[in-house]
Amino acid sequence: MPGLPHPFRRRRSYLIRDTSLGKKGTLINKSAVLERAVVDALREKPTAGKSSTTT
């Protein structure tokens, strides 16, 4: 993924206004893709030998 300093992509979700869940700017979710793999067919599960992570 060009332009990213890390080999995985991070995503964070914040509240954009004050709500009953919290104040504006409150982090409500975070996730990261830690590993990616290439498969040959739709919905095929990757095997250990096909992993294509970037280190």
N, C-alpha and C. Protein backbone atom coordinates (compact mmCIF):
# COMPACT_ATOMS: atom_id res chain seq x y z
N MET A 1 0.83 -1.17 0.00
CA MET A 1 0.00 0.00 0.00
C MET A 1 0.89 1.25 0.00
N PRO A 2 0.93 1.93 -1.08
CA PRO A 2 1.83 3.07 -1.20
C PRO A 2 1.53 4.18 -0.20
N GLY A 3 2.60 4.79 0.26
CA GLY A 3 2.45 5.95 1.13
C GLY A 3 2.24 5.65 2.60
N LEU A 4 2.13 4.40 2.97
CA LEU A 4 1.93 4.05 4.37
C LEU A 4 3.25 3.64 4.99
N PRO A 5 3.56 4.14 6.19
CA PRO A 5 4.83 3.81 6.81
C PRO A 5 4.86 2.42 7.44
N HIS A 6 3.71 1.78 7.59
CA HIS A 6 3.63 0.47 8.24
C HIS A 6 3.05 -0.54 7.26
N PRO A 7 3.35 -1.82 7.43
CA PRO A 7 2.86 -2.84 6.51
C PRO A 7 1.40 -3.22 6.74
N PHE A 8 0.69 -2.50 7.56
CA PHE A 8 -0.73 -2.77 7.76
C PHE A 8 -1.48 -1.45 7.77
N ARG A 9 -2.76 -1.50 7.53
CA ARG A 9 -3.60 -0.31 7.47
C ARG A 9 -4.44 -0.21 8.73
N ARG A 10 -4.42 0.97 9.33
CA ARG A 10 -5.19 1.21 10.55
C ARG A 10 -6.45 2.00 10.21
N ARG A 11 -7.49 1.76 10.97
CA ARG A 11 -8.72 2.52 10.81
C ARG A 11 -9.25 2.86 12.20
N ARG A 12 -9.57 4.11 12.40
CA ARG A 12 -10.14 4.57 13.67
C ARG A 12 -11.41 5.34 13.39
N SER A 13 -12.41 5.16 14.24
CA SER A 13 -13.68 5.89 14.11
C SER A 13 -13.88 6.76 15.34
N TYR A 14 -14.25 8.00 15.10
CA TYR A 14 -14.47 8.97 16.16
C TYR A 14 -15.87 9.54 16.05
N LEU A 15 -16.42 9.99 17.18
CA LEU A 15 -17.68 10.72 17.15
C LEU A 15 -17.42 12.09 16.54
N ILE A 16 -18.33 12.55 15.70
CA ILE A 16 -18.14 13.86 15.06
C ILE A 16 -18.97 14.95 15.74
N ARG A 17 -19.78 14.57 16.72
CA ARG A 17 -20.54 15.54 17.52
C ARG A 17 -20.83 14.93 18.88
N ASP A 18 -21.17 15.73 19.85
CA ASP A 18 -21.55 15.24 21.17
C ASP A 18 -22.84 14.44 21.06
N THR A 19 -22.86 13.25 21.63
CA THR A 19 -24.05 12.39 21.63
C THR A 19 -24.16 11.72 22.98
N SER A 20 -25.15 10.85 23.12
CA SER A 20 -25.31 10.09 24.36
C SER A 20 -24.17 9.07 24.54
N LEU A 21 -23.45 8.75 23.45
CA LEU A 21 -22.31 7.82 23.53
C LEU A 21 -21.04 8.47 24.03
N GLY A 22 -20.97 9.80 23.91
CA GLY A 22 -19.77 10.51 24.35
C GLY A 22 -19.64 11.85 23.67
N LYS A 23 -18.54 12.52 23.96
CA LYS A 23 -18.28 13.84 23.40
C LYS A 23 -17.62 13.74 22.04
N LYS A 24 -17.72 14.83 21.27
CA LYS A 24 -17.08 14.92 19.97
C LYS A 24 -15.59 14.59 20.11
N GLY A 25 -15.08 13.76 19.18
CA GLY A 25 -13.69 13.37 19.21
C GLY A 25 -13.41 12.08 19.95
N THR A 26 -14.42 11.51 20.62
CA THR A 26 -14.25 10.25 21.36
C THR A 26 -14.01 9.10 20.39
N LEU A 27 -12.96 8.32 20.62
CA LEU A 27 -12.67 7.14 19.81
C LEU A 27 -13.72 6.08 20.11
N ILE A 28 -14.40 5.59 19.07
CA ILE A 28 -15.45 4.59 19.29
C ILE A 28 -15.09 3.22 18.71
N ASN A 29 -14.11 3.17 17.78
CA ASN A 29 -13.72 1.90 17.21
C ASN A 29 -12.32 2.03 16.61
N LYS A 30 -11.54 0.96 16.68
CA LYS A 30 -10.26 0.93 15.99
C LYS A 30 -10.01 -0.48 15.50
N SER A 31 -9.38 -0.59 14.35
CA SER A 31 -9.06 -1.89 13.79
C SER A 31 -7.82 -1.75 12.92
N ALA A 32 -7.24 -2.90 12.58
CA ALA A 32 -6.06 -2.90 11.72
C ALA A 32 -6.02 -4.21 10.94
N VAL A 33 -5.57 -4.12 9.71
CA VAL A 33 -5.32 -5.31 8.91
C VAL A 33 -3.89 -5.73 9.20
N LEU A 34 -3.73 -6.87 9.84
CA LEU A 34 -2.40 -7.33 10.24
C LEU A 34 -1.78 -8.28 9.23
N GLU A 35 -2.61 -8.93 8.44
CA GLU A 35 -2.09 -9.89 7.48
C GLU A 35 -3.01 -9.93 6.28
N ARG A 36 -2.41 -10.05 5.09
CA ARG A 36 -3.18 -10.17 3.87
C ARG A 36 -2.68 -11.39 3.11
N ALA A 37 -3.53 -11.95 2.28
CA ALA A 37 -3.14 -13.11 1.48
C ALA A 37 -3.82 -13.05 0.13
N VAL A 38 -3.24 -13.72 -0.85
CA VAL A 38 -3.79 -13.80 -2.19
C VAL A 38 -4.38 -15.19 -2.36
N VAL A 39 -5.60 -15.24 -2.88
CA VAL A 39 -6.26 -16.52 -3.16
C VAL A 39 -6.65 -16.56 -4.62
N ASP A 40 -6.94 -17.75 -5.12
CA ASP A 40 -7.29 -17.91 -6.54
C ASP A 40 -8.78 -17.76 -6.82
N ALA A 41 -9.62 -18.02 -5.83
CA ALA A 41 -11.07 -17.99 -6.06
C ALA A 41 -11.78 -17.21 -4.96
N LEU A 42 -12.94 -16.69 -5.31
CA LEU A 42 -13.77 -15.96 -4.36
C LEU A 42 -14.11 -16.85 -3.17
N ARG A 43 -13.98 -16.31 -1.98
CA ARG A 43 -14.28 -16.98 -0.70
C ARG A 43 -13.35 -18.15 -0.38
N GLU A 44 -12.27 -18.31 -1.13
CA GLU A 44 -11.29 -19.34 -0.81
C GLU A 44 -10.52 -18.89 0.43
N LYS A 45 -10.31 -19.80 1.36
CA LYS A 45 -9.56 -19.47 2.57
C LYS A 45 -8.07 -19.66 2.30
N PRO A 46 -7.26 -18.68 2.68
CA PRO A 46 -5.82 -18.81 2.43
C PRO A 46 -5.19 -19.91 3.27
N THR A 47 -4.18 -20.55 2.71
CA THR A 47 -3.45 -21.56 3.46
C THR A 47 -2.14 -20.94 3.93
N ALA A 48 -1.46 -21.61 4.82
CA ALA A 48 -0.22 -21.08 5.40
C ALA A 48 0.83 -20.83 4.32
N GLY A 49 0.86 -21.61 3.26
CA GLY A 49 1.86 -21.45 2.22
C GLY A 49 1.60 -20.29 1.28
N LYS A 50 0.38 -19.71 1.29
CA LYS A 50 0.04 -18.65 0.34
C LYS A 50 0.12 -17.26 0.95
N SER A 51 0.52 -17.13 2.19
CA SER A 51 0.55 -15.83 2.84
C SER A 51 1.47 -14.87 2.11
N SER A 52 1.04 -13.61 1.98
CA SER A 52 1.86 -12.63 1.28
C SER A 52 1.96 -11.34 2.08
N THR A 53 2.38 -11.47 3.32
CA THR A 53 2.50 -10.29 4.18
C THR A 53 3.76 -9.51 3.84
N THR A 54 3.73 -8.24 4.15
CA THR A 54 4.89 -7.37 3.94
C THR A 54 5.55 -7.11 5.27
N THR A 55 6.85 -7.28 5.34
CA THR A 55 7.56 -7.01 6.60
C THR A 55 8.52 -5.87 6.45
